[in-house]
Amino acid sequence: MKKHALTRAALVAAGSFAIASCDKPAPGLDPLKAATEKTVYDDIAKTGTASDAPAPAPKAPEKTAPVVARNEEKPAPPPAPEKTEPVKTEPAPAPAPTPAPAPAAVPSGPTITIKPEMPKPLFAGTPLPDSNPPPNLDKTGKPVLEVQVPEGVAILSKDKPVTCSDPAPLGDLSLITDSDKQGDDGYFVDILPMKQWIQVDLGEAKEIWLIWVWHFHKQAVIYKDVVVQVSDDPEFKTGVTTVFNNDYDNSSEFGVGKDQSWVETNNGRPMPVSGVKGRYVRFWSNGRNIDDTNQYIEVEVYGK
């Protein structure tokens, strides 16, 4: 619209200029002289081709209204978005505790009962942690005090040599296989924090049917990522069989375990095994629920 208005105004102004310029004679012509001299226009007058009447006076240019550029219409603002109630999302439910696998099957035939002598308790009951318990925690509070194994199974680990991932553990490693399960100071070995291991050398490959572990029972603590493996390789690079794993989130990178975590008590924790054969037994842990330290009072390996 603005472009057309300006063009029209220019045309009007040009026309006015053209009309106004016709009022003036061409240069070098005298108006009086021109009236007496014969011109080519006289013949036109006689033939009636042109009008004898004098040319009308030029019209004054018409006044035109100033061209006013119209503001372009502004587009209407977009409609405000409708208010919607925020969608409330329920938090993802905590993963269900991983059920402990059934105890290792005992082959048919005569069996015997393994019932270790338990140390005195250093606290009453089995208090559960106040916050952030592992999802696979055993909350039954019912200690296992005896386990059935095939006839002929006996303790194999008594006074066997122990090594560990800590080059300078606090406490003599021989305490771990001396059959003394007391939980007072001086009866346990403290090794480096985070993911660490101890290892028992049985001297030769044996069928293993039961393992029992006492980490530390002076406090009600929970050890994390407890993994027990058996192998004939002292470096545990080949022929490794995992017989216990309660690492529910694979933080120790041995795979997600299906065994339960537990609160330490004077009764320790039995781990039935299905006759896996090997010479070395390695015990992993990755700190505990109250700090990153690792302790061992006693481990017992039973087999034949």
C-alpha atoms as a PDB file:
ATOM      1  CA  MET A   1       0.000   0.000   0.000  1.00  0.00           C
ATOM      2  CA  LYS A   2       2.769   2.461   0.846  1.00  0.00           C
ATOM      3  CA  LYS A   3       4.638   1.783  -2.375  1.00  0.00           C
ATOM      4  CA  HIS A   4       1.537   2.498  -4.570  1.00  0.00           C
ATOM      5  CA  ALA A   5       0.745   5.811  -2.788  1.00  0.00           C
ATOM      6  CA  LEU A   6       4.224   7.154  -3.344  1.00  0.00           C
ATOM      7  CA  THR A   7       4.085   6.263  -7.068  1.00  0.00           C
ATOM      8  CA  ARG A   8       0.739   7.959  -7.516  1.00  0.00           C
ATOM      9  CA  ALA A   9       2.049  11.131  -5.839  1.00  0.00           C
ATOM     10  CA  ALA A  10       5.051  11.169  -8.100  1.00  0.00           C
ATOM     11  CA  LEU A  11       2.856  10.940 -11.183  1.00  0.00           C
ATOM     12  CA  VAL A  12       0.683  13.862 -10.059  1.00  0.00           C
ATOM     13  CA  ALA A  13       3.725  16.009  -9.398  1.00  0.00           C
ATOM     14  CA  ALA A  14       5.184  15.143 -12.808  1.00  0.00           C
ATOM     15  CA  GLY A  15       1.920  16.042 -14.558  1.00  0.00           C
ATOM     16  CA  SER A  16       1.782  19.373 -12.793  1.00  0.00           C
ATOM     17  CA  PHE A  17       5.304  20.108 -13.858  1.00  0.00           C
ATOM     18  CA  ALA A  18       4.502  19.245 -17.474  1.00  0.00           C
ATOM     19  CA  ILE A  19       1.384  21.492 -17.598  1.00  0.00           C
ATOM     20  CA  ALA A  20       3.133  24.371 -15.915  1.00  0.00           C
ATOM     21  CA  SER A  21       6.012  24.216 -18.377  1.00  0.00           C
ATOM     22  CA  CYS A  22       3.605  24.609 -21.357  1.00  0.00           C
ATOM     23  CA  ASP A  23       2.756  28.209 -20.260  1.00  0.00           C
ATOM     24  CA  LYS A  24       6.166  29.393 -21.326  1.00  0.00           C
ATOM     25  CA  PRO A  25       6.988  29.890 -25.068  1.00  0.00           C
ATOM     26  CA  ALA A  26       9.832  27.994 -26.508  1.00  0.00           C
ATOM     27  CA  PRO A  27      13.109  29.814 -26.285  1.00  0.00           C
ATOM     28  CA  GLY A  28      13.638  32.424 -29.090  1.00  0.00           C
ATOM     29  CA  LEU A  29       9.930  32.920 -29.930  1.00  0.00           C
ATOM     30  CA  ASP A  30       8.188  36.261 -29.379  1.00  0.00           C
ATOM     31  CA  PRO A  31       4.532  35.808 -28.513  1.00  0.00           C
ATOM     32  CA  LEU A  32       3.452  38.925 -30.523  1.00  0.00           C
ATOM     33  CA  LYS A  33       5.436  37.963 -33.539  1.00  0.00           C
ATOM     34  CA  ALA A  34       4.127  34.461 -33.388  1.00  0.00           C
ATOM     35  CA  ALA A  35       0.579  35.797 -33.634  1.00  0.00           C
ATOM     36  CA  THR A  36       1.207  37.451 -37.112  1.00  0.00           C
ATOM     37  CA  GLU A  37       3.425  34.867 -38.678  1.00  0.00           C
ATOM     38  CA  LYS A  38       1.982  31.914 -40.533  1.00  0.00           C
ATOM     39  CA  THR A  39       2.657  28.616 -38.957  1.00  0.00           C
ATOM     40  CA  VAL A  40       1.934  25.058 -39.754  1.00  0.00           C
ATOM     41  CA  TYR A  41      -0.869  25.207 -37.222  1.00  0.00           C
ATOM     42  CA  ASP A  42      -2.855  27.656 -39.445  1.00  0.00           C
ATOM     43  CA  ASP A  43      -3.597  24.898 -41.916  1.00  0.00           C
ATOM     44  CA  ILE A  44      -4.806  22.705 -39.177  1.00  0.00           C
ATOM     45  CA  ALA A  45      -7.215  25.412 -38.027  1.00  0.00           C
ATOM     46  CA  LYS A  46      -8.701  25.720 -41.520  1.00  0.00           C
ATOM     47  CA  THR A  47      -9.312  22.061 -41.882  1.00  0.00           C
ATOM     48  CA  GLY A  48     -10.933  21.906 -38.493  1.00  0.00           C
ATOM     49  CA  THR A  49      -8.523  19.392 -37.275  1.00  0.00           C
ATOM     50  CA  ALA A  50      -7.588  21.537 -34.392  1.00  0.00           C
ATOM     51  CA  SER A  51      -9.852  23.876 -32.408  1.00  0.00           C
ATOM     52  CA  ASP A  52      -9.765  27.635 -33.105  1.00  0.00           C
ATOM     53  CA  ALA A  53     -10.501  28.348 -29.526  1.00  0.00           C
ATOM     54  CA  PRO A  54      -7.578  29.379 -27.503  1.00  0.00           C
ATOM     55  CA  ALA A  55      -6.066  26.683 -25.429  1.00  0.00           C
ATOM     56  CA  PRO A  56      -7.570  26.597 -21.994  1.00  0.00           C
ATOM     57  CA  ALA A  57      -5.502  27.934 -19.196  1.00  0.00           C
ATOM     58  CA  PRO A  58      -3.584  25.251 -17.481  1.00  0.00           C
ATOM     59  CA  LYS A  59      -5.213  23.879 -14.446  1.00  0.00           C
ATOM     60  CA  ALA A  60      -3.600  24.390 -11.181  1.00  0.00           C
ATOM     61  CA  PRO A  61      -2.299  21.149  -9.814  1.00  0.00           C
ATOM     62  CA  GLU A  62      -4.788  19.448  -7.679  1.00  0.00           C
ATOM     63  CA  LYS A  63      -4.021  19.347  -4.073  1.00  0.00           C
ATOM     64  CA  THR A  64      -3.460  15.870  -2.979  1.00  0.00           C
ATOM     65  CA  ALA A  65      -3.628  14.683   0.511  1.00  0.00           C
ATOM     66  CA  PRO A  66      -0.242  13.891   1.915  1.00  0.00           C
ATOM     67  CA  VAL A  67       0.553  10.293   1.531  1.00  0.00           C
ATOM     68  CA  VAL A  68       0.591   8.726   4.887  1.00  0.00           C
ATOM     69  CA  ALA A  69       2.109   5.338   5.120  1.00  0.00           C
ATOM     70  CA  ARG A  70      -0.192   3.041   6.959  1.00  0.00           C
ATOM     71  CA  ASN A  71       1.359   1.077   9.691  1.00  0.00           C
ATOM     72  CA  GLU A  72       1.363  -2.548   8.925  1.00  0.00           C
ATOM     73  CA  GLU A  73      -1.017  -4.401  11.091  1.00  0.00           C
ATOM     74  CA  LYS A  74       0.774  -6.198  13.859  1.00  0.00           C
ATOM     75  CA  PRO A  75      -0.044  -9.849  14.049  1.00  0.00           C
ATOM     76  CA  ALA A  76      -2.169 -10.765  16.973  1.00  0.00           C
ATOM     77  CA  PRO A  77      -0.123 -12.214  19.803  1.00  0.00           C
ATOM     78  CA  PRO A  78      -0.344 -15.975  20.069  1.00  0.00           C
ATOM     79  CA  PRO A  79      -2.872 -17.185  22.576  1.00  0.00           C
ATOM     80  CA  ALA A  80      -1.465 -17.831  25.978  1.00  0.00           C
ATOM     81  CA  PRO A  81      -0.900 -21.512  26.591  1.00  0.00           C
ATOM     82  CA  GLU A  82      -3.539 -23.128  28.620  1.00  0.00           C
ATOM     83  CA  LYS A  83      -2.519 -23.777  32.148  1.00  0.00           C
ATOM     84  CA  THR A  84      -2.239 -27.421  32.808  1.00  0.00           C
ATOM     85  CA  GLU A  85      -1.741 -29.085  36.076  1.00  0.00           C
ATOM     86  CA  PRO A  86       1.764 -30.602  36.383  1.00  0.00           C
ATOM     87  CA  VAL A  87       1.738 -34.316  35.959  1.00  0.00           C
ATOM     88  CA  LYS A  88       2.679 -35.913  39.202  1.00  0.00           C
ATOM     89  CA  THR A  89       5.000 -38.815  38.713  1.00  0.00           C
ATOM     90  CA  GLU A  90       5.365 -41.350  41.386  1.00  0.00           C
ATOM     91  CA  PRO A  91       8.969 -42.159  42.317  1.00  0.00           C
ATOM     92  CA  ALA A  92      10.222 -45.438  40.975  1.00  0.00           C
ATOM     93  CA  PRO A  93       9.761 -48.122  43.573  1.00  0.00           C
ATOM     94  CA  ALA A  94      12.857 -49.388  45.267  1.00  0.00           C
ATOM     95  CA  PRO A  95      14.086 -52.637  43.815  1.00  0.00           C
ATOM     96  CA  ALA A  96      12.638 -55.614  45.574  1.00  0.00           C
ATOM     97  CA  PRO A  97      15.072 -57.502  47.750  1.00  0.00           C
ATOM     98  CA  THR A  98      16.743 -60.263  45.863  1.00  0.00           C
ATOM     99  CA  PRO A  99      15.659 -63.509  47.441  1.00  0.00           C
ATOM    100  CA  ALA A 100      18.400 -65.723  48.721  1.00  0.00           C
ATOM    101  CA  PRO A 101      18.848 -68.881  46.734  1.00  0.00           C
ATOM    102  CA  ALA A 102      17.832 -72.144  48.312  1.00  0.00           C
ATOM    103  CA  PRO A 103      20.584 -73.813  50.314  1.00  0.00           C
ATOM    104  CA  ALA A 104      22.884 -75.953  48.252  1.00  0.00           C
ATOM    105  CA  ALA A 105      21.338 -79.321  47.618  1.00  0.00           C
ATOM    106  CA  VAL A 106      22.781 -82.116  49.744  1.00  0.00           C
ATOM    107  CA  PRO A 107      23.267 -85.331  47.769  1.00  0.00           C
ATOM    108  CA  SER A 108      21.328 -88.345  48.824  1.00  0.00           C
ATOM    109  CA  GLY A 109      22.989 -90.528  51.380  1.00  0.00           C
ATOM    110  CA  PRO A 110      24.071 -90.163  54.979  1.00  0.00           C
ATOM    111  CA  THR A 111      24.528 -86.601  56.289  1.00  0.00           C
ATOM    112  CA  ILE A 112      26.039 -84.999  59.329  1.00  0.00           C
ATOM    113  CA  THR A 113      25.362 -81.741  61.124  1.00  0.00           C
ATOM    114  CA  ILE A 114      27.952 -78.951  61.213  1.00  0.00           C
ATOM    115  CA  LYS A 115      27.372 -76.825  64.294  1.00  0.00           C
ATOM    116  CA  PRO A 116      30.283 -74.480  65.052  1.00  0.00           C
ATOM    117  CA  GLU A 117      30.946 -73.283  68.566  1.00  0.00           C
ATOM    118  CA  MET A 118      29.691 -69.723  68.720  1.00  0.00           C
ATOM    119  CA  PRO A 119      31.455 -66.901  70.577  1.00  0.00           C
ATOM    120  CA  LYS A 120      29.749 -64.811  73.216  1.00  0.00           C
ATOM    121  CA  PRO A 121      27.552 -62.014  71.866  1.00  0.00           C
ATOM    122  CA  LEU A 122      28.847 -58.465  72.305  1.00  0.00           C
ATOM    123  CA  PHE A 123      25.456 -56.773  71.927  1.00  0.00           C
ATOM    124  CA  ALA A 124      21.861 -57.820  72.490  1.00  0.00           C
ATOM    125  CA  GLY A 125      19.503 -58.537  69.584  1.00  0.00           C
ATOM    126  CA  THR A 126      20.035 -57.833  65.918  1.00  0.00           C
ATOM    127  CA  PRO A 127      19.443 -54.099  65.399  1.00  0.00           C
ATOM    128  CA  LEU A 128      18.737 -53.079  61.818  1.00  0.00           C
ATOM    129  CA  PRO A 129      20.377 -49.996  60.294  1.00  0.00           C
ATOM    130  CA  ASP A 130      18.415 -46.777  60.750  1.00  0.00           C
ATOM    131  CA  SER A 131      18.710 -45.617  57.127  1.00  0.00           C
ATOM    132  CA  ASN A 132      19.569 -46.808  53.647  1.00  0.00           C
ATOM    133  CA  PRO A 133      19.608 -50.557  54.234  1.00  0.00           C
ATOM    134  CA  PRO A 134      20.578 -52.653  51.217  1.00  0.00           C
ATOM    135  CA  PRO A 135      17.531 -53.922  49.292  1.00  0.00           C
ATOM    136  CA  ASN A 136      18.637 -57.543  49.710  1.00  0.00           C
ATOM    137  CA  LEU A 137      19.011 -57.391  53.486  1.00  0.00           C
ATOM    138  CA  ASP A 138      17.963 -60.456  55.435  1.00  0.00           C
ATOM    139  CA  LYS A 139      15.480 -59.080  57.982  1.00  0.00           C
ATOM    140  CA  THR A 140      14.344 -62.344  59.482  1.00  0.00           C
ATOM    141  CA  GLY A 141      16.596 -61.971  62.496  1.00  0.00           C
ATOM    142  CA  LYS A 142      16.763 -65.750  62.769  1.00  0.00           C
ATOM    143  CA  PRO A 143      20.361 -66.975  62.939  1.00  0.00           C
ATOM    144  CA  VAL A 144      21.347 -70.266  61.358  1.00  0.00           C
ATOM    145  CA  LEU A 145      23.290 -72.274  63.903  1.00  0.00           C
ATOM    146  CA  GLU A 146      23.734 -75.600  62.077  1.00  0.00           C
ATOM    147  CA  VAL A 147      23.848 -76.944  58.529  1.00  0.00           C
ATOM    148  CA  GLN A 148      23.466 -80.438  57.101  1.00  0.00           C
ATOM    149  CA  VAL A 149      26.325 -81.688  54.895  1.00  0.00           C
ATOM    150  CA  PRO A 150      27.301 -85.053  53.401  1.00  0.00           C
ATOM    151  CA  GLU A 151      28.915 -87.565  55.661  1.00  0.00           C
ATOM    152  CA  GLY A 152      32.691 -87.263  55.720  1.00  0.00           C
ATOM    153  CA  VAL A 153      32.788 -83.473  55.531  1.00  0.00           C
ATOM    154  CA  ALA A 154      35.108 -81.837  58.054  1.00  0.00           C
ATOM    155  CA  ILE A 155      36.794 -78.489  58.605  1.00  0.00           C
ATOM    156  CA  LEU A 156      39.593 -77.925  56.106  1.00  0.00           C
ATOM    157  CA  SER A 157      40.765 -74.404  56.920  1.00  0.00           C
ATOM    158  CA  LYS A 158      42.064 -74.825  60.471  1.00  0.00           C
ATOM    159  CA  ASP A 159      45.486 -73.123  60.721  1.00  0.00           C
ATOM    160  CA  LYS A 160      45.823 -72.921  56.946  1.00  0.00           C
ATOM    161  CA  PRO A 161      47.879 -70.009  55.525  1.00  0.00           C
ATOM    162  CA  VAL A 162      46.076 -66.776  54.695  1.00  0.00           C
ATOM    163  CA  THR A 163      47.098 -64.001  52.288  1.00  0.00           C
ATOM    164  CA  CYS A 164      45.332 -60.744  51.423  1.00  0.00           C
ATOM    165  CA  SER A 165      45.292 -57.751  49.079  1.00  0.00           C
ATOM    166  CA  ASP A 166      46.658 -55.461  51.815  1.00  0.00           C
ATOM    167  CA  PRO A 167      50.474 -55.545  51.989  1.00  0.00           C
ATOM    168  CA  ALA A 168      50.397 -54.379  55.606  1.00  0.00           C
ATOM    169  CA  PRO A 169      47.217 -55.546  57.383  1.00  0.00           C
ATOM    170  CA  LEU A 170      46.551 -54.567  60.987  1.00  0.00           C
ATOM    171  CA  GLY A 171      46.656 -57.868  62.840  1.00  0.00           C
ATOM    172  CA  ASP A 172      48.191 -61.246  62.150  1.00  0.00           C
ATOM    173  CA  LEU A 173      46.513 -63.047  59.266  1.00  0.00           C
ATOM    174  CA  SER A 174      46.805 -66.325  61.143  1.00  0.00           C
ATOM    175  CA  LEU A 175      43.975 -65.087  63.397  1.00  0.00           C
ATOM    176  CA  ILE A 176      41.555 -65.725  60.535  1.00  0.00           C
ATOM    177  CA  THR A 177      41.965 -69.525  60.642  1.00  0.00           C
ATOM    178  CA  ASP A 178      42.807 -70.148  64.321  1.00  0.00           C
ATOM    179  CA  SER A 179      39.189 -71.175  65.223  1.00  0.00           C
ATOM    180  CA  ASP A 180      38.884 -68.318  67.766  1.00  0.00           C
ATOM    181  CA  LYS A 181      35.797 -66.264  66.965  1.00  0.00           C
ATOM    182  CA  GLN A 182      35.798 -63.750  69.789  1.00  0.00           C
ATOM    183  CA  GLY A 183      34.921 -60.248  68.651  1.00  0.00           C
ATOM    184  CA  ASP A 184      36.940 -58.166  71.075  1.00  0.00           C
ATOM    185  CA  ASP A 185      39.939 -56.062  70.065  1.00  0.00           C
ATOM    186  CA  GLY A 186      42.934 -58.195  69.237  1.00  0.00           C
ATOM    187  CA  TYR A 187      40.867 -61.030  67.731  1.00  0.00           C
ATOM    188  CA  PHE A 188      40.344 -59.629  64.239  1.00  0.00           C
ATOM    189  CA  VAL A 189      42.377 -58.411  61.280  1.00  0.00           C
ATOM    190  CA  ASP A 190      41.786 -54.983  59.748  1.00  0.00           C
ATOM    191  CA  ILE A 191      42.697 -54.559  56.069  1.00  0.00           C
ATOM    192  CA  LEU A 192      42.615 -51.681  53.620  1.00  0.00           C
ATOM    193  CA  PRO A 193      39.278 -49.958  52.886  1.00  0.00           C
ATOM    194  CA  MET A 194      37.063 -50.401  49.827  1.00  0.00           C
ATOM    195  CA  LYS A 195      37.222 -53.513  47.656  1.00  0.00           C
ATOM    196  CA  GLN A 196      39.698 -55.988  49.229  1.00  0.00           C
ATOM    197  CA  TRP A 197      40.192 -59.734  49.625  1.00  0.00           C
ATOM    198  CA  ILE A 198      41.668 -62.391  51.854  1.00  0.00           C
ATOM    199  CA  GLN A 199      42.535 -65.887  50.617  1.00  0.00           C
ATOM    200  CA  VAL A 200      42.855 -69.271  52.286  1.00  0.00           C
ATOM    201  CA  ASP A 201      45.107 -71.964  50.846  1.00  0.00           C
ATOM    202  CA  LEU A 202      43.708 -75.423  51.640  1.00  0.00           C
ATOM    203  CA  GLY A 203      46.930 -77.086  50.509  1.00  0.00           C
ATOM    204  CA  GLU A 204      45.252 -79.184  47.831  1.00  0.00           C
ATOM    205  CA  ALA A 205      42.017 -79.236  45.871  1.00  0.00           C
ATOM    206  CA  LYS A 206      39.048 -80.336  47.965  1.00  0.00           C
ATOM    207  CA  GLU A 207      35.286 -80.698  47.565  1.00  0.00           C
ATOM    208  CA  ILE A 208      33.830 -77.739  49.429  1.00  0.00           C
ATOM    209  CA  TRP A 209      30.382 -78.130  50.987  1.00  0.00           C
ATOM    210  CA  LEU A 210      30.152 -75.313  53.519  1.00  0.00           C
ATOM    211  CA  ILE A 211      31.781 -71.959  54.329  1.00  0.00           C
ATOM    212  CA  TRP A 212      31.163 -69.939  57.504  1.00  0.00           C
ATOM    213  CA  VAL A 213      32.288 -66.325  57.933  1.00  0.00           C
ATOM    214  CA  TRP A 214      32.657 -63.971  60.907  1.00  0.00           C
ATOM    215  CA  HIS A 215      33.693 -60.492  59.814  1.00  0.00           C
ATOM    216  CA  PHE A 216      33.221 -58.390  62.935  1.00  0.00           C
ATOM    217  CA  HIS A 217      30.525 -58.575  65.582  1.00  0.00           C
ATOM    218  CA  LYS A 218      31.463 -55.913  68.076  1.00  0.00           C
ATOM    219  CA  GLN A 219      28.904 -53.706  66.284  1.00  0.00           C
ATOM    220  CA  ALA A 220      25.810 -54.459  64.243  1.00  0.00           C
ATOM    221  CA  VAL A 221      27.255 -53.675  60.826  1.00  0.00           C
ATOM    222  CA  ILE A 222      26.591 -54.833  57.263  1.00  0.00           C
ATOM    223  CA  TYR A 223      29.460 -55.662  54.943  1.00  0.00           C
ATOM    224  CA  LYS A 224      28.973 -54.767  51.303  1.00  0.00           C
ATOM    225  CA  ASP A 225      29.591 -56.809  48.167  1.00  0.00           C
ATOM    226  CA  VAL A 226      30.542 -60.017  49.930  1.00  0.00           C
ATOM    227  CA  VAL A 227      31.749 -62.422  47.239  1.00  0.00           C
ATOM    228  CA  VAL A 228      33.348 -65.844  47.808  1.00  0.00           C
ATOM    229  CA  GLN A 229      35.167 -67.668  45.019  1.00  0.00           C
ATOM    230  CA  VAL A 230      36.951 -71.006  44.628  1.00  0.00           C
ATOM    231  CA  SER A 231      39.775 -71.815  42.229  1.00  0.00           C
ATOM    232  CA  ASP A 232      42.895 -73.931  41.737  1.00  0.00           C
ATOM    233  CA  ASP A 233      44.652 -70.798  40.456  1.00  0.00           C
ATOM    234  CA  PRO A 234      46.201 -68.726  43.298  1.00  0.00           C
ATOM    235  CA  GLU A 235      45.883 -65.600  41.085  1.00  0.00           C
ATOM    236  CA  PHE A 236      42.196 -66.315  40.384  1.00  0.00           C
ATOM    237  CA  LYS A 237      42.633 -65.671  36.682  1.00  0.00           C
ATOM    238  CA  THR A 238      41.345 -69.047  35.470  1.00  0.00           C
ATOM    239  CA  GLY A 239      38.940 -71.695  36.666  1.00  0.00           C
ATOM    240  CA  VAL A 240      37.114 -69.380  39.085  1.00  0.00           C
ATOM    241  CA  THR A 241      33.761 -70.440  40.565  1.00  0.00           C
ATOM    242  CA  THR A 242      31.711 -67.942  42.554  1.00  0.00           C
ATOM    243  CA  VAL A 243      29.884 -69.728  45.382  1.00  0.00           C
ATOM    244  CA  PHE A 244      28.430 -66.661  47.139  1.00  0.00           C
ATOM    245  CA  ASN A 245      27.603 -63.126  45.926  1.00  0.00           C
ATOM    246  CA  ASN A 246      25.389 -60.500  47.579  1.00  0.00           C
ATOM    247  CA  ASP A 247      26.509 -57.572  45.422  1.00  0.00           C
ATOM    248  CA  TYR A 248      23.017 -56.455  44.351  1.00  0.00           C
ATOM    249  CA  ASP A 249      24.188 -53.598  42.058  1.00  0.00           C
ATOM    250  CA  ASN A 250      27.372 -55.086  40.574  1.00  0.00           C
ATOM    251  CA  SER A 251      29.510 -52.373  42.140  1.00  0.00           C
ATOM    252  CA  SER A 252      32.346 -54.877  42.581  1.00  0.00           C
ATOM    253  CA  GLU A 253      31.982 -56.024  38.965  1.00  0.00           C
ATOM    254  CA  PHE A 254      31.559 -59.735  39.586  1.00  0.00           C
ATOM    255  CA  GLY A 255      27.980 -59.655  38.319  1.00  0.00           C
ATOM    256  CA  VAL A 256      24.739 -59.044  40.190  1.00  0.00           C
ATOM    257  CA  GLY A 257      24.490 -61.448  43.097  1.00  0.00           C
ATOM    258  CA  LYS A 258      21.399 -63.259  44.307  1.00  0.00           C
ATOM    259  CA  ASP A 259      22.454 -63.851  47.906  1.00  0.00           C
ATOM    260  CA  GLN A 260      21.341 -61.733  50.847  1.00  0.00           C
ATOM    261  CA  SER A 261      23.198 -59.180  52.906  1.00  0.00           C
ATOM    262  CA  TRP A 262      23.071 -59.616  56.681  1.00  0.00           C
ATOM    263  CA  VAL A 263      23.695 -57.815  59.948  1.00  0.00           C
ATOM    264  CA  GLU A 264      26.810 -59.149  61.626  1.00  0.00           C
ATOM    265  CA  THR A 265      26.317 -61.024  64.898  1.00  0.00           C
ATOM    266  CA  ASN A 266      28.325 -63.504  66.930  1.00  0.00           C
ATOM    267  CA  ASN A 267      26.702 -66.310  64.878  1.00  0.00           C
ATOM    268  CA  GLY A 268      28.475 -65.380  61.653  1.00  0.00           C
ATOM    269  CA  ARG A 269      27.006 -66.378  58.294  1.00  0.00           C
ATOM    270  CA  PRO A 270      26.913 -69.893  56.812  1.00  0.00           C
ATOM    271  CA  MET A 271      27.220 -70.320  53.040  1.00  0.00           C
ATOM    272  CA  PRO A 272      26.263 -73.809  51.774  1.00  0.00           C
ATOM    273  CA  VAL A 273      28.224 -74.960  48.725  1.00  0.00           C
ATOM    274  CA  SER A 274      27.442 -77.807  46.306  1.00  0.00           C
ATOM    275  CA  GLY A 275      30.726 -79.689  46.441  1.00  0.00           C
ATOM    276  CA  VAL A 276      32.713 -77.234  44.279  1.00  0.00           C
ATOM    277  CA  LYS A 277      36.284 -78.426  44.037  1.00  0.00           C
ATOM    278  CA  GLY A 278      39.307 -76.160  44.444  1.00  0.00           C
ATOM    279  CA  ARG A 279      42.402 -75.414  46.494  1.00  0.00           C
ATOM    280  CA  TYR A 280      42.043 -71.671  47.125  1.00  0.00           C
ATOM    281  CA  VAL A 281      39.095 -69.824  48.632  1.00  0.00           C
ATOM    282  CA  ARG A 282      39.012 -66.047  48.189  1.00  0.00           C
ATOM    283  CA  PHE A 283      36.754 -63.753  50.246  1.00  0.00           C
ATOM    284  CA  TRP A 284      35.902 -60.282  48.903  1.00  0.00           C
ATOM    285  CA  SER A 285      34.279 -57.350  50.697  1.00  0.00           C
ATOM    286  CA  ASN A 286      33.864 -53.668  49.854  1.00  0.00           C
ATOM    287  CA  GLY A 287      33.600 -51.855  53.166  1.00  0.00           C
ATOM    288  CA  ARG A 288      30.543 -51.744  55.374  1.00  0.00           C
ATOM    289  CA  ASN A 289      27.455 -49.623  55.822  1.00  0.00           C
ATOM    290  CA  ILE A 290      29.073 -47.242  58.346  1.00  0.00           C
ATOM    291  CA  ASP A 291      32.484 -46.799  56.671  1.00  0.00           C
ATOM    292  CA  ASP A 292      34.775 -48.277  54.032  1.00  0.00           C
ATOM    293  CA  THR A 293      36.849 -50.537  56.273  1.00  0.00           C
ATOM    294  CA  ASN A 294      37.095 -54.347  56.083  1.00  0.00           C
ATOM    295  CA  GLN A 295      37.580 -56.757  58.973  1.00  0.00           C
ATOM    296  CA  TYR A 296      37.843 -60.524  59.448  1.00  0.00           C
ATOM    297  CA  ILE A 297      37.644 -62.486  62.684  1.00  0.00           C
ATOM    298  CA  GLU A 298      37.368 -66.024  61.327  1.00  0.00           C
ATOM    299  CA  VAL A 299      36.534 -68.045  58.240  1.00  0.00           C
ATOM    300  CA  GLU A 300      35.846 -71.768  58.254  1.00  0.00           C
ATOM    301  CA  VAL A 301      35.842 -73.955  55.148  1.00  0.00           C
ATOM    302  CA  TYR A 302      34.301 -77.429  55.317  1.00  0.00           C
ATOM    303  CA  GLY A 303      34.691 -80.193  52.766  1.00  0.00           C
ATOM    304  CA  LYS A 304      36.349 -83.477  51.985  1.00  0.00           C
END
